Amino acid sequence: MVTWIVVAVVVLGVILLIAAVVPLLGRLSGLRRAAVRLQRRQEQALRLQAGAGELQVTLAGMEQRLTEVQSRVAVIQTARGAGD
């Protein structure tokens, strides 16, 4: 008789343990999906950051060319003014 009580208590304990673990496993899969999404966003942010760096270099080059063009225009305008 005592054996059946012990078996029943053990089985009840196992059932309660399983009942507690199943929702946690569901949450773990949700956390795993969230971690994957965050990792993708981090990779996207790194790509955007690299693209921004390239744009900054391009902008610096364009500013330098603009300065050169402005100085050439000034020389042309000065030459035209002196020729009149």
Protein backbone atom coordinates (compact mmCIF):
# COMPACT_ATOMS: atom_id res chain seq x y z
CA MET A 1 0.00 0.00 0.00
CA VAL A 2 2.79 2.42 0.90
CA THR A 3 4.47 1.55 -2.39
CA TRP A 4 1.43 2.74 -4.34
CA ILE A 5 1.38 6.01 -2.42
CA VAL A 6 5.07 6.58 -3.15
CA VAL A 7 4.56 5.73 -6.84
CA ALA A 8 1.57 8.09 -7.00
CA VAL A 9 3.55 10.92 -5.40
CA VAL A 10 6.47 10.37 -7.79
CA VAL A 11 4.15 10.24 -10.83
CA LEU A 12 2.36 13.39 -9.66
CA GLY A 13 5.73 15.11 -9.21
CA VAL A 14 6.80 14.11 -12.72
CA ILE A 15 3.51 15.36 -14.17
CA LEU A 16 3.89 18.70 -12.36
CA LEU A 17 7.47 18.98 -13.57
CA ILE A 18 6.43 18.33 -17.17
CA ALA A 19 3.58 20.84 -16.81
CA ALA A 20 6.09 23.46 -15.68
CA VAL A 21 8.70 22.68 -18.34
CA VAL A 22 6.42 22.65 -21.44
CA PRO A 23 5.56 26.39 -21.31
CA LEU A 24 9.22 27.20 -20.72
CA LEU A 25 10.21 25.29 -23.84
CA GLY A 26 7.68 27.35 -25.81
CA ARG A 27 9.19 30.53 -24.46
CA LEU A 28 12.69 29.34 -25.30
CA SER A 29 11.77 28.89 -28.95
CA GLY A 30 10.31 32.40 -28.94
CA LEU A 31 13.50 33.74 -27.42
CA ARG A 32 15.54 31.88 -30.02
CA ARG A 33 13.51 33.48 -32.83
CA ALA A 34 13.92 36.90 -31.23
CA ALA A 35 17.69 36.37 -30.97
CA VAL A 36 17.85 35.46 -34.66
CA ARG A 37 15.88 38.60 -35.57
CA LEU A 38 18.20 40.75 -33.46
CA GLN A 39 21.25 39.19 -35.09
CA ARG A 40 19.82 39.95 -38.56
CA ARG A 41 19.15 43.55 -37.54
CA GLN A 42 22.68 43.86 -36.23
CA GLU A 43 24.08 42.60 -39.54
CA GLN A 44 21.84 45.03 -41.41
CA ALA A 45 23.02 47.90 -39.18
CA LEU A 46 26.65 46.98 -39.87
CA ARG A 47 25.99 46.96 -43.62
CA LEU A 48 24.29 50.34 -43.38
CA GLN A 49 27.18 51.69 -41.35
CA ALA A 50 29.65 50.52 -44.00
CA GLY A 51 27.49 52.12 -46.70
CA ALA A 52 27.43 55.36 -44.75
CA GLY A 53 31.22 55.31 -44.57
CA GLU A 54 31.44 54.86 -48.33
CA LEU A 55 29.01 57.74 -48.85
CA GLN A 56 31.10 59.92 -46.57
CA VAL A 57 34.22 59.20 -48.62
CA THR A 58 32.31 59.91 -51.84
CA LEU A 59 30.99 63.18 -50.41
CA ALA A 60 34.50 64.27 -49.42
CA GLY A 61 35.70 63.59 -52.96
CA MET A 62 32.79 65.51 -54.44
CA GLU A 63 33.50 68.47 -52.16
CA GLN A 64 37.10 68.48 -53.32
CA ARG A 65 36.03 68.39 -56.97
CA LEU A 66 33.51 71.17 -56.34
CA THR A 67 36.25 73.35 -54.87
CA GLU A 68 38.41 72.69 -57.93
CA VAL A 69 35.56 73.53 -60.30
CA GLN A 70 34.76 76.72 -58.40
CA SER A 71 38.38 77.84 -58.61
CA ARG A 72 38.43 77.10 -62.35
CA VAL A 73 35.21 79.06 -62.87
CA ALA A 74 36.72 81.96 -60.94
CA VAL A 75 39.82 81.86 -63.18
CA ILE A 76 37.63 81.76 -66.31
CA GLN A 77 35.51 84.66 -65.08
CA THR A 78 38.62 86.66 -64.22
CA ALA A 79 40.09 85.94 -67.66
CA ARG A 80 36.87 87.02 -69.39
CA GLY A 81 36.68 90.18 -67.28
CA ALA A 82 40.27 91.07 -68.12
CA GLY A 83 39.72 90.41 -71.81
CA ASP A 84 36.85 92.92 -72.15
